[in-house]
């Protein structure tokens, strides 16, 4: 099987998970699930970023040891994975021994290649962003992100980022797919073309971090530390990590695109390793038209959403409603409308009306069909015929189009029921009724295979109703066996007011 590697950013443990964290994780999970169904050897990674000045200050404010602080908050992100029904294969923490040893090995590689030197840093630093900023980036005394900055002057190790300006530009000219979408690629190229300056990659006044090899007075800059997680989770520097690394896709929010598409590939090239295959930066969520903030108290809690509406419903809205890569707005009204229209009234209604009719009027048995009409054949072949377009949606990160395409078939299924009227055929033409019901079951079976990346729980229930155990894409071309008994179907999706 061809290897496939996809990662979320590792989440900074200064606060509990919110809708932005859930969105990135769900996008990765959808892609990972699809690739597994399509026969790939998938590695899906998420985790937590646990070092840095922000963590050190937050732990001090609570009067606890930094390790105790990150242990508690990291657990909330691990729990989020379970609540959202994610299929990540690993959960990396930057306080783990396997990660620390990998980071220190990478540091030594950068030293050996002549890309690190000792100097003195004097400049602006934003604790909230864990980022250094040049004088010309400061706007009204703040970082371009709006974060407060402080002037720092101390001994520091530097990475020769300036030496990698042209190699980065050359690389991206040859690999335009390496940064997506195009708007983010253009943003990164403008930043690189504006000139790269050497990067401070250690701190002396900070103690909560990975010690610099051979100089314990310094700890590594949190971003050099954090970014290496994508390698440490693969077992770097031991042999074997390359199997997945060559296929690496990083899914990130647009606010951290610079770290992933400027600093990270430069570190890697300096260590004689390939940059990630693709970095995709998606947009941000607002809530009812306003930016999420603690002062407004308007953050969407994934745990509360799942407790109230279920994981499938929350997954569906986030993966369906927003054009992936763009900013989006979370509206309670839009959320409820989407659940009622797409899930309850369309998908749920199709399954319920067909399977309930079979249960009550066909001895709870999938009927044996007669000769198929053109309409029957068209309905049954639609799902499998859609697979190439769905692959294109996944490979090009058009995630919202995936659901759009599948729901068109769900709509066709409901229209077929209305047109064929199996309730009338029961009296007038029972043989034709059997063929119609079989055709619908075969269509629903295949739809349930295609909806697994978005609605894993509901899809599994539908497959179980139809007596199906194996449900990867190879089963799209294997016809449903008639004669299977079905249990009394239960509604799949609730309706909300």
Protein backbone atom coordinates (compact mmCIF):
# COMPACT_ATOMS: atom_id res chain seq x y z
CA UNK A 1 0.00 0.00 0.00
CA UNK A 2 1.22 3.49 -0.80
CA UNK A 3 2.14 5.45 2.35
CA UNK A 4 0.27 8.63 3.22
CA UNK A 5 1.13 11.00 6.10
CA UNK A 6 -1.09 13.80 7.37
CA UNK A 7 -0.67 15.95 10.47
CA UNK A 8 -2.53 18.55 12.45
CA UNK A 9 -0.42 21.27 14.00
CA UNK A 10 0.44 20.27 17.54
CA UNK A 11 -1.84 22.37 19.71
CA UNK A 12 -0.43 24.80 22.23
CA UNK A 13 -1.57 23.81 25.71
CA UNK A 14 -2.31 27.26 27.12
CA UNK A 15 -6.09 26.78 26.89
CA UNK A 16 -8.77 24.14 26.30
CA UNK A 17 -9.76 23.04 22.77
CA UNK A 18 -12.12 25.22 20.70
CA UNK A 19 -13.78 25.06 17.28
CA UNK A 20 -10.56 26.00 15.46
CA UNK A 21 -8.71 23.01 16.90
CA UNK A 22 -11.66 20.74 16.11
CA UNK A 23 -11.86 22.01 12.53
CA UNK A 24 -8.24 21.26 11.68
CA UNK A 25 -8.42 17.87 13.33
CA UNK A 26 -11.64 16.91 11.56
CA UNK A 27 -10.27 17.95 8.16
CA UNK A 28 -7.26 15.70 8.70
CA UNK A 29 -9.46 12.88 9.95
CA UNK A 30 -11.73 13.09 6.92
CA UNK A 31 -8.75 12.86 4.57
CA UNK A 32 -7.11 10.06 6.59
CA UNK A 33 -10.33 8.02 6.64
CA UNK A 34 -10.80 8.46 2.89
CA UNK A 35 -7.24 7.38 2.13
CA UNK A 36 -7.57 4.26 4.29
CA UNK A 37 -10.79 3.32 2.51
CA UNK A 38 -8.97 3.88 -0.79
CA UNK A 39 -6.21 1.42 0.10
CA UNK A 40 -3.45 3.69 1.42
CA UNK A 41 -1.10 2.98 4.34
CA UNK A 42 -2.06 6.03 6.42
CA UNK A 43 -0.23 7.72 9.28
CA UNK A 44 -2.33 10.44 10.95
CA UNK A 45 -0.66 12.50 13.68
CA UNK A 46 -1.88 15.04 16.20
CA UNK A 47 -0.56 16.15 19.58
CA UNK A 48 0.40 19.03 21.85
CA UNK A 49 3.12 21.70 21.94
CA UNK A 50 4.16 22.04 25.58
CA UNK A 51 7.22 24.28 25.88
CA UNK A 52 7.82 28.01 25.76
CA UNK A 53 7.52 31.21 27.74
CA UNK A 54 3.73 31.32 27.55
CA UNK A 55 3.49 27.92 29.25
CA UNK A 56 6.10 28.86 31.82
CA UNK A 57 4.14 32.01 32.73
CA UNK A 58 0.75 30.25 32.78
CA UNK A 59 2.07 27.54 35.11
CA UNK A 60 3.66 30.14 37.40
CA UNK A 61 0.40 32.09 37.56
CA UNK A 62 -1.35 28.93 38.78
CA UNK A 63 1.47 28.11 41.18
CA UNK A 64 2.09 24.69 39.63
CA UNK A 65 5.03 22.94 38.04
CA UNK A 66 5.09 23.39 34.23
CA UNK A 67 5.07 19.63 33.68
CA UNK A 68 1.98 19.20 35.87
CA UNK A 69 0.32 22.07 34.02
CA UNK A 70 0.93 20.62 30.55
CA UNK A 71 -0.02 17.11 31.66
CA UNK A 72 -3.48 18.35 32.58
CA UNK A 73 -4.14 20.51 29.53
CA UNK A 74 -2.67 18.01 27.08
CA UNK A 75 -5.18 15.47 28.31
CA UNK A 76 -8.05 17.72 27.20
CA UNK A 77 -6.72 17.60 23.62
CA UNK A 78 -6.29 13.84 23.78
CA UNK A 79 -9.88 13.63 24.99
CA UNK A 80 -11.02 15.85 22.10
CA UNK A 81 -9.69 13.21 19.69
CA UNK A 82 -11.95 10.61 21.28
CA UNK A 83 -14.98 12.88 21.46
CA UNK A 84 -14.73 13.83 17.77
CA UNK A 85 -14.17 10.19 16.80
CA UNK A 86 -10.76 10.93 15.28
CA UNK A 87 -8.65 8.09 13.90
CA UNK A 88 -5.20 9.52 14.63
CA UNK A 89 -2.54 6.81 14.79
CA UNK A 90 -0.36 8.71 17.22
CA UNK A 91 -0.51 11.57 19.72
CA UNK A 92 2.83 13.33 20.14
CA UNK A 93 3.83 15.50 23.11
CA UNK A 94 6.90 17.71 22.99
CA UNK A 95 7.75 16.77 26.58
CA UNK A 96 8.20 13.11 25.61
CA UNK A 97 11.73 11.63 25.62
CA UNK A 98 11.36 10.44 22.00
CA UNK A 99 10.67 14.00 20.91
CA UNK A 100 13.44 15.63 22.94
CA UNK A 101 16.06 13.26 21.55
CA UNK A 102 14.86 13.88 17.98
CA UNK A 103 15.02 17.67 18.40
CA UNK A 104 18.51 17.51 19.86
CA UNK A 105 19.64 15.31 16.97
CA UNK A 106 18.28 17.81 14.46
CA UNK A 107 20.09 20.63 16.30
CA UNK A 108 23.38 18.74 16.00
CA UNK A 109 22.74 18.22 12.28
CA UNK A 110 22.26 21.97 11.85
CA UNK A 111 25.46 22.66 13.80
CA UNK A 112 27.43 20.13 11.75
CA UNK A 113 26.17 21.70 8.50
CA UNK A 114 27.41 25.13 9.63
CA UNK A 115 23.94 26.67 9.94
CA UNK A 116 24.02 27.61 13.64
CA UNK A 117 26.22 30.22 15.33
CA UNK A 118 26.29 31.95 18.71
CA UNK A 119 25.52 35.67 18.86
CA UNK A 120 23.36 38.19 20.70
CA UNK A 121 19.71 38.85 20.05
CA UNK A 122 18.21 42.29 20.52
CA UNK A 123 14.67 42.79 19.31
CA UNK A 124 10.94 42.38 19.81
CA UNK A 125 9.35 39.18 21.06
CA UNK A 126 5.66 38.35 21.44
CA UNK A 127 5.04 35.84 24.21
CA UNK A 128 1.50 35.12 22.94
CA UNK A 129 2.78 34.18 19.49
CA UNK A 130 6.09 32.73 20.72
CA UNK A 131 7.55 34.67 17.80
CA UNK A 132 10.27 37.22 17.08
CA UNK A 133 9.39 40.31 15.01
CA UNK A 134 11.49 42.81 13.11
CA UNK A 135 11.20 46.54 13.80
CA UNK A 136 9.36 47.17 10.54
CA UNK A 137 6.72 44.58 11.50
CA UNK A 138 5.69 46.38 14.69
CA UNK A 139 2.41 48.27 14.32
CA UNK A 140 1.38 50.76 17.03
CA UNK A 141 3.70 49.09 19.50
CA UNK A 142 2.35 45.60 18.84
CA UNK A 143 3.07 42.57 16.68
CA UNK A 144 1.22 42.37 13.35
CA UNK A 145 -1.04 39.81 15.03
CA UNK A 146 -2.02 42.34 17.69
CA UNK A 147 0.00 40.59 20.38
CA UNK A 148 1.90 42.57 23.00
CA UNK A 149 5.67 42.61 22.41
CA UNK A 150 8.64 43.04 24.71
CA UNK A 151 12.21 44.07 23.97
CA UNK A 152 14.69 41.26 24.56
CA UNK A 153 18.45 41.45 24.60
CA UNK A 154 20.39 38.29 25.43
CA UNK A 155 22.92 35.76 24.19
CA UNK A 156 21.34 33.51 21.58
CA UNK A 157 22.11 30.87 19.03
CA UNK A 158 21.10 31.83 15.50
CA UNK A 159 20.05 29.81 12.48
CA UNK A 160 21.36 31.11 9.13
CA UNK A 161 17.92 31.64 7.67
CA UNK A 162 19.24 34.32 5.32
CA UNK A 163 21.30 31.69 3.48
CA UNK A 164 18.13 29.82 2.53
CA UNK A 165 16.21 32.64 0.88
CA UNK A 166 17.07 31.69 -2.69
CA UNK A 167 16.92 27.91 -2.13
CA UNK A 168 13.40 28.35 -0.75
CA UNK A 169 12.32 30.45 -3.72
CA UNK A 170 13.84 27.92 -6.12
CA UNK A 171 12.11 25.06 -4.33
CA UNK A 172 8.68 26.69 -4.42
CA UNK A 173 9.13 27.56 -8.10
CA UNK A 174 9.59 23.86 -8.81
CA UNK A 175 6.91 22.71 -6.35
CA UNK A 176 3.93 25.07 -6.50
CA UNK A 177 1.81 22.44 -4.73
CA UNK A 178 3.99 22.71 -1.62
CA UNK A 179 1.97 25.65 -0.23
CA UNK A 180 -1.80 25.76 -0.59
CA UNK A 181 -4.14 27.47 -1.22
CA UNK A 182 -2.65 29.90 -3.75
CA UNK A 183 -3.41 32.97 -1.62
CA UNK A 184 -1.23 31.58 1.19
CA UNK A 185 1.49 30.60 -1.28
CA UNK A 186 1.63 34.15 -2.60
CA UNK A 187 1.79 35.47 0.96
CA UNK A 188 4.75 33.25 1.81
CA UNK A 189 6.61 34.10 -1.40
CA UNK A 190 6.20 37.83 -0.75
CA UNK A 191 7.63 37.36 2.74
CA UNK A 192 10.64 35.41 1.45
CA UNK A 193 11.26 37.84 -1.40
CA UNK A 194 11.24 40.69 1.12
CA UNK A 195 14.46 39.29 2.59
CA UNK A 196 15.15 36.70 5.27
CA UNK A 197 17.20 37.51 8.32
CA UNK A 198 18.96 35.03 10.56
CA UNK A 199 16.65 33.59 13.20
CA UNK A 200 17.24 33.47 16.95
CA UNK A 201 16.66 29.84 17.94
CA UNK A 202 17.55 29.74 21.65
CA UNK A 203 16.75 31.55 24.90
CA UNK A 204 18.79 31.91 28.07
CA UNK A 205 16.17 33.56 30.26
CA UNK A 206 13.67 30.76 29.56
CA UNK A 207 14.07 27.44 31.35
CA UNK A 208 11.01 25.49 30.19
CA UNK A 209 12.20 23.91 26.97
CA UNK A 210 14.56 21.40 25.38
CA UNK A 211 18.17 22.10 26.40
CA UNK A 212 20.60 22.98 23.63
CA UNK A 213 23.07 20.09 23.18
CA UNK A 214 26.40 21.01 24.73
CA UNK A 215 25.12 24.28 26.27
CA UNK A 216 22.52 23.71 28.98
CA UNK A 217 22.34 27.47 29.71
CA UNK A 218 20.20 27.74 26.55
CA UNK A 219 16.90 26.12 25.66
CA UNK A 220 15.70 25.80 22.07
CA UNK A 221 13.34 28.27 20.46
CA UNK A 222 9.88 26.79 20.84
CA UNK A 223 9.16 26.67 17.10
CA UNK A 224 12.30 24.69 16.24
CA UNK A 225 11.30 22.38 19.07
CA UNK A 226 7.63 22.14 18.08
CA UNK A 227 8.00 21.69 14.34
CA UNK A 228 10.28 18.70 14.80
CA UNK A 229 7.31 16.73 16.19
CA UNK A 230 6.41 15.76 12.63
CA UNK A 231 9.67 13.83 12.45
CA UNK A 232 9.95 12.59 16.02
CA UNK A 233 6.58 10.83 15.74
CA UNK A 234 7.98 8.86 12.78
CA UNK A 235 10.97 7.65 14.78
CA UNK A 236 13.49 10.17 13.41
CA UNK A 237 16.47 9.89 13.25
CA UNK A 238 16.17 6.09 13.13
CA UNK A 239 15.82 4.38 9.77
CA UNK A 240 12.26 4.03 8.54
CA UNK A 241 10.93 7.53 9.12
CA UNK A 242 11.47 8.35 5.42
CA UNK A 243 8.69 5.94 4.39
CA UNK A 244 6.02 8.40 5.52
CA UNK A 245 8.01 11.63 5.48
CA UNK A 246 8.18 11.74 1.68
CA UNK A 247 4.37 12.02 1.66
CA UNK A 248 3.99 14.53 4.53
CA UNK A 249 1.00 16.89 4.43
CA UNK A 250 0.75 19.51 7.19
CA UNK A 251 -2.68 20.98 7.84
CA UNK A 252 -2.40 24.31 9.70
CA UNK A 253 -4.27 27.51 10.44
CA UNK A 254 -3.27 30.48 8.31
CA UNK A 255 -1.74 32.26 11.33
CA UNK A 256 1.17 29.79 11.48
CA UNK A 257 1.88 29.43 7.77
CA UNK A 258 5.19 31.34 8.05
CA UNK A 259 6.60 28.91 10.59
CA UNK A 260 5.64 25.90 8.47
CA UNK A 261 6.56 27.23 5.03
CA UNK A 262 9.61 29.39 5.75
CA UNK A 263 11.37 28.30 8.94
CA UNK A 264 10.54 24.59 8.84
CA UNK A 265 11.61 23.84 5.24
CA UNK A 266 14.75 25.90 5.78
CA UNK A 267 15.64 23.83 8.87
CA UNK A 268 15.02 20.66 6.90
CA UNK A 269 17.03 21.64 3.83
CA UNK A 270 19.89 22.75 6.09
CA UNK A 271 19.83 19.25 7.61
CA UNK A 272 19.81 17.73 4.10
CA UNK A 273 16.17 16.58 4.31
CA UNK A 274 13.23 17.26 2.03
CA UNK A 275 10.55 19.81 2.98
CA UNK A 276 7.02 18.53 3.54
CA UNK A 277 5.14 17.61 0.38
CA UNK A 278 2.35 20.12 1.12
CA UNK A 279 1.45 22.68 3.74
CA UNK A 280 -2.22 23.63 3.54
CA UNK A 281 -3.37 26.66 5.53
CA UNK A 282 -7.09 26.90 6.17
CA UNK A 283 -9.08 29.92 7.33
CA UNK A 284 -10.42 31.02 10.70
CA UNK A 285 -13.86 30.69 12.25
CA UNK A 286 -15.83 33.58 13.64
CA UNK A 287 -18.96 33.11 15.74
CA UNK A 288 -22.16 34.92 14.77
CA UNK A 289 -20.02 37.41 12.84
CA UNK A 290 -17.60 38.15 15.70
CA UNK A 291 -14.08 37.00 16.41
CA UNK A 292 -13.84 34.39 19.15
CA UNK A 293 -12.45 35.85 22.37
CA UNK A 294 -12.38 35.18 26.10
CA UNK A 295 -13.81 38.62 26.83
CA UNK A 296 -16.89 37.91 24.69
CA UNK A 297 -17.14 34.36 25.98
CA UNK A 298 -18.29 33.19 22.56
CA UNK A 299 -15.89 30.30 21.90
CA UNK A 300 -17.56 27.15 20.61
CA UNK A 301 -16.70 24.22 22.87
CA UNK A 302 -16.45 20.98 20.82
CA UNK A 303 -17.25 18.88 23.89
CA UNK A 304 -20.50 20.75 24.51
CA UNK A 305 -21.47 20.56 20.84
CA UNK A 306 -20.92 16.80 20.71
CA UNK A 307 -22.75 16.28 24.00
CA UNK A 308 -25.75 18.19 22.63
CA UNK A 309 -25.87 17.19 18.96
CA UNK A 310 -23.57 14.18 18.57
CA UNK A 311 -20.17 13.87 16.91
CA UNK A 312 -21.53 13.15 13.43
CA UNK A 313 -23.67 16.30 13.36
CA UNK A 314 -20.80 18.53 14.50
CA UNK A 315 -18.41 16.87 12.05
CA UNK A 316 -20.83 17.29 9.18
CA UNK A 317 -21.42 20.99 9.68
CA UNK A 318 -17.73 21.89 9.96
CA UNK A 319 -16.73 19.79 6.95
CA UNK A 320 -19.67 20.76 4.76
CA UNK A 321 -20.56 24.37 5.38
CA UNK A 322 -17.27 26.16 4.75
CA UNK A 323 -15.31 26.34 1.51
CA UNK A 324 -12.11 24.78 2.81
CA UNK A 325 -9.25 27.26 2.95
CA UNK A 326 -11.53 30.29 3.44
CA UNK A 327 -12.69 31.98 6.63
CA UNK A 328 -16.09 30.94 7.92
CA UNK A 329 -18.72 31.97 10.43
CA UNK A 330 -20.42 29.67 12.90
CA UNK A 331 -24.11 30.49 13.24
CA UNK A 332 -26.41 28.46 15.46
CA UNK A 333 -29.27 29.03 13.01
CA UNK A 334 -27.20 27.83 10.04
CA UNK A 335 -25.99 24.86 12.07
CA UNK A 336 -29.54 23.73 12.95
CA UNK A 337 -30.78 24.31 9.39
CA UNK A 338 -27.94 22.22 7.97
CA UNK A 339 -28.63 19.35 10.38
CA UNK A 340 -32.35 19.34 9.65
CA UNK A 341 -32.08 19.78 5.88
CA UNK A 342 -29.14 17.55 4.99
CA UNK A 343 -29.08 14.95 7.73
CA UNK A 344 -32.62 14.46 9.02
CA UNK A 345 -34.70 15.41 5.95
CA UNK A 346 -32.39 14.07 3.23
CA UNK A 347 -30.04 11.27 4.31
CA UNK A 348 -31.97 10.11 7.35
CA UNK A 349 -35.28 10.28 5.52
CA UNK A 350 -34.01 8.21 2.58
CA UNK A 351 -32.76 5.43 4.83
CA UNK A 352 -35.76 5.48 7.16
CA UNK A 353 -38.45 5.46 4.51
CA UNK A 354 -36.83 2.66 2.50
CA UNK A 355 -35.77 0.37 5.34
CA UNK A 356 -38.97 0.90 7.34
CA UNK A 357 -41.02 0.03 4.27
CA UNK A 358 -39.01 -3.16 3.78
CA UNK A 359 -39.33 -4.05 7.46
CA UNK A 360 -43.12 -3.59 7.41
CA UNK A 361 -44.00 -4.66 3.87
CA UNK A 362 -41.32 -7.08 2.64
CA UNK A 363 -40.97 -9.45 5.59
CA UNK A 364 -37.98 -7.42 6.91
CA UNK A 365 -35.92 -8.94 4.09
CA UNK A 366 -33.92 -7.31 1.31
CA UNK A 367 -35.97 -8.36 -1.75
CA UNK A 368 -34.76 -10.38 -4.72
CA UNK A 369 -34.83 -8.09 -7.75
CA UNK A 370 -36.23 -8.77 -11.19
CA UNK A 371 -35.04 -7.17 -14.40
CA UNK A 372 -33.56 -3.72 -13.84
CA UNK A 373 -34.80 -0.68 -15.72
CA UNK A 374 -32.56 2.12 -16.94
CA UNK A 375 -33.64 4.18 -13.92
CA UNK A 376 -32.69 1.36 -11.55
CA UNK A 377 -29.26 0.92 -13.10
CA UNK A 378 -28.61 4.65 -13.06
CA UNK A 379 -29.42 4.85 -9.35
CA UNK A 380 -27.26 1.87 -8.40
CA UNK A 381 -24.21 2.97 -10.41
CA UNK A 382 -24.17 6.61 -9.25
CA UNK A 383 -22.17 6.13 -6.02
CA UNK A 384 -19.31 4.11 -7.51
CA UNK A 385 -19.17 6.43 -10.54
CA UNK A 386 -18.66 9.35 -8.17
CA UNK A 387 -15.45 7.97 -6.65
CA UNK A 388 -12.98 9.61 -9.10
CA UNK A 389 -14.52 13.03 -8.41
CA UNK A 390 -14.34 12.41 -4.67
CA UNK A 391 -10.65 11.48 -4.97
CA UNK A 392 -10.10 14.77 -6.76
CA UNK A 393 -11.90 16.66 -3.98
CA UNK A 394 -9.73 15.05 -1.32
CA UNK A 395 -6.43 15.40 -3.18
CA UNK A 396 -7.12 19.08 -3.92
CA UNK A 397 -8.48 19.85 -0.43
CA UNK A 398 -11.96 20.74 -1.73
CA UNK A 399 -13.49 19.04 1.29
CA UNK A 400 -16.86 20.81 1.15
CA UNK A 401 -17.37 19.59 -2.42
CA UNK A 402 -17.15 16.01 -1.22
CA UNK A 403 -20.36 16.32 0.78
CA UNK A 404 -22.05 18.36 -1.95
CA UNK A 405 -21.47 15.58 -4.47
CA UNK A 406 -22.62 12.74 -2.22
CA UNK A 407 -25.75 14.62 -1.16
CA UNK A 408 -26.73 15.04 -4.80
CA UNK A 409 -27.01 11.25 -4.97
CA UNK A 410 -28.99 11.21 -1.72
CA UNK A 411 -31.34 13.69 -3.38
CA UNK A 412 -31.61 11.43 -6.42
CA UNK A 413 -32.48 8.54 -4.13
CA UNK A 414 -35.34 10.43 -2.53
CA UNK A 415 -36.63 11.54 -5.94
CA UNK A 416 -36.47 7.92 -7.16
CA UNK A 417 -38.63 6.82 -4.22
CA UNK A 418 -41.19 9.51 -5.03
CA UNK A 419 -41.22 8.59 -8.72
CA UNK A 420 -41.37 4.79 -8.30
CA UNK A 421 -43.95 4.80 -5.45
CA UNK A 422 -43.19 1.38 -3.92
CA UNK A 423 -46.28 1.72 -1.72
CA UNK A 424 -48.44 1.70 -4.86
CA UNK A 425 -46.40 -1.11 -6.44
CA UNK A 426 -47.10 -3.34 -3.45
CA UNK A 427 -50.65 -3.77 -4.70
CA UNK A 428 -50.24 -3.29 -8.44
CA UNK A 429 -46.86 -4.92 -9.20
CA UNK A 430 -45.14 -6.69 -6.25
CA UNK A 431 -42.30 -7.95 -8.46
CA UNK A 432 -41.50 -4.43 -9.56
CA UNK A 433 -41.71 -3.28 -5.95
CA UNK A 434 -39.03 -5.81 -5.05
CA UNK A 435 -36.74 -4.54 -7.78
CA UNK A 436 -37.25 -0.91 -6.72
CA UNK A 437 -36.57 -1.70 -3.06
CA UNK A 438 -33.46 -3.71 -3.93
CA UNK A 439 -32.17 -0.87 -6.14
CA UNK A 440 -32.66 1.57 -3.27
CA UNK A 441 -30.89 -0.69 -0.77
CA UNK A 442 -27.96 -1.10 -3.16
CA UNK A 443 -27.72 2.67 -3.59
CA UNK A 444 -27.96 3.31 0.17
CA UNK A 445 -25.31 0.64 0.86
CA UNK A 446 -22.84 2.41 -1.38
CA UNK A 447 -23.72 5.87 -0.09
CA UNK A 448 -22.94 4.63 3.42
CA UNK A 449 -19.46 3.63 2.20
CA UNK A 450 -18.87 7.10 0.77
CA UNK A 451 -20.13 8.99 3.85
CA UNK A 452 -17.78 7.20 6.26
CA UNK A 453 -15.09 9.94 6.20
CA UNK A 454 -17.65 12.52 7.36
CA UNK A 455 -20.28 10.54 9.29
CA UNK A 456 -18.50 7.48 10.68
CA UNK A 457 -21.14 6.57 13.26
CA UNK A 458 -24.23 6.92 11.06
CA UNK A 459 -22.47 5.19 8.16
CA UNK A 460 -21.60 2.22 10.37
CA UNK A 461 -25.21 1.97 11.55
CA UNK A 462 -26.54 1.98 7.98
CA UNK A 463 -24.04 -0.67 6.92
CA UNK A 464 -24.99 -2.82 9.90
CA UNK A 465 -28.70 -2.50 9.02
CA UNK A 466 -27.86 -3.90 5.58
CA UNK A 467 -25.71 -6.69 6.99
CA UNK A 468 -22.42 -5.30 5.65
CA UNK A 469 -19.11 -5.86 7.45
CA UNK A 470 -16.39 -4.85 5.00
CA UNK A 471 -16.89 -1.29 3.77
CA UNK A 472 -13.82 0.01 1.97
CA UNK A 473 -14.05 1.35 -1.57
CA UNK A 474 -13.38 -2.07 -3.08
CA UNK A 475 -16.90 -2.98 -1.97
CA UNK A 476 -18.52 -0.37 -4.19
CA UNK A 477 -18.46 -2.83 -7.05
CA UNK A 478 -19.72 -5.85 -5.06
CA UNK A 479 -23.47 -6.21 -5.36
CA UNK A 480 -25.69 -6.47 -2.30
CA UNK A 481 -26.98 -9.99 -1.63
CA UNK A 482 -30.77 -10.26 -1.50
CA UNK A 483 -32.46 -12.25 1.24
CA UNK A 484 -30.71 -10.57 4.16
CA UNK A 485 -32.91 -9.97 7.18
CA UNK A 486 -32.93 -6.45 8.64
CA UNK A 487 -33.80 -5.25 12.12
CA UNK A 488 -36.39 -2.58 12.67
CA UNK A 489 -34.65 0.65 11.61
CA UNK A 490 -34.29 3.51 14.06
CA UNK A 491 -34.03 7.21 13.07
CA UNK A 492 -30.40 8.12 12.36
CA UNK A 493 -30.58 11.87 12.89
CA UNK A 494 -32.65 14.01 15.23
CA UNK A 495 -34.50 17.13 14.10
CA UNK A 496 -33.96 20.38 15.98
CA UNK A 497 -35.98 23.56 16.32
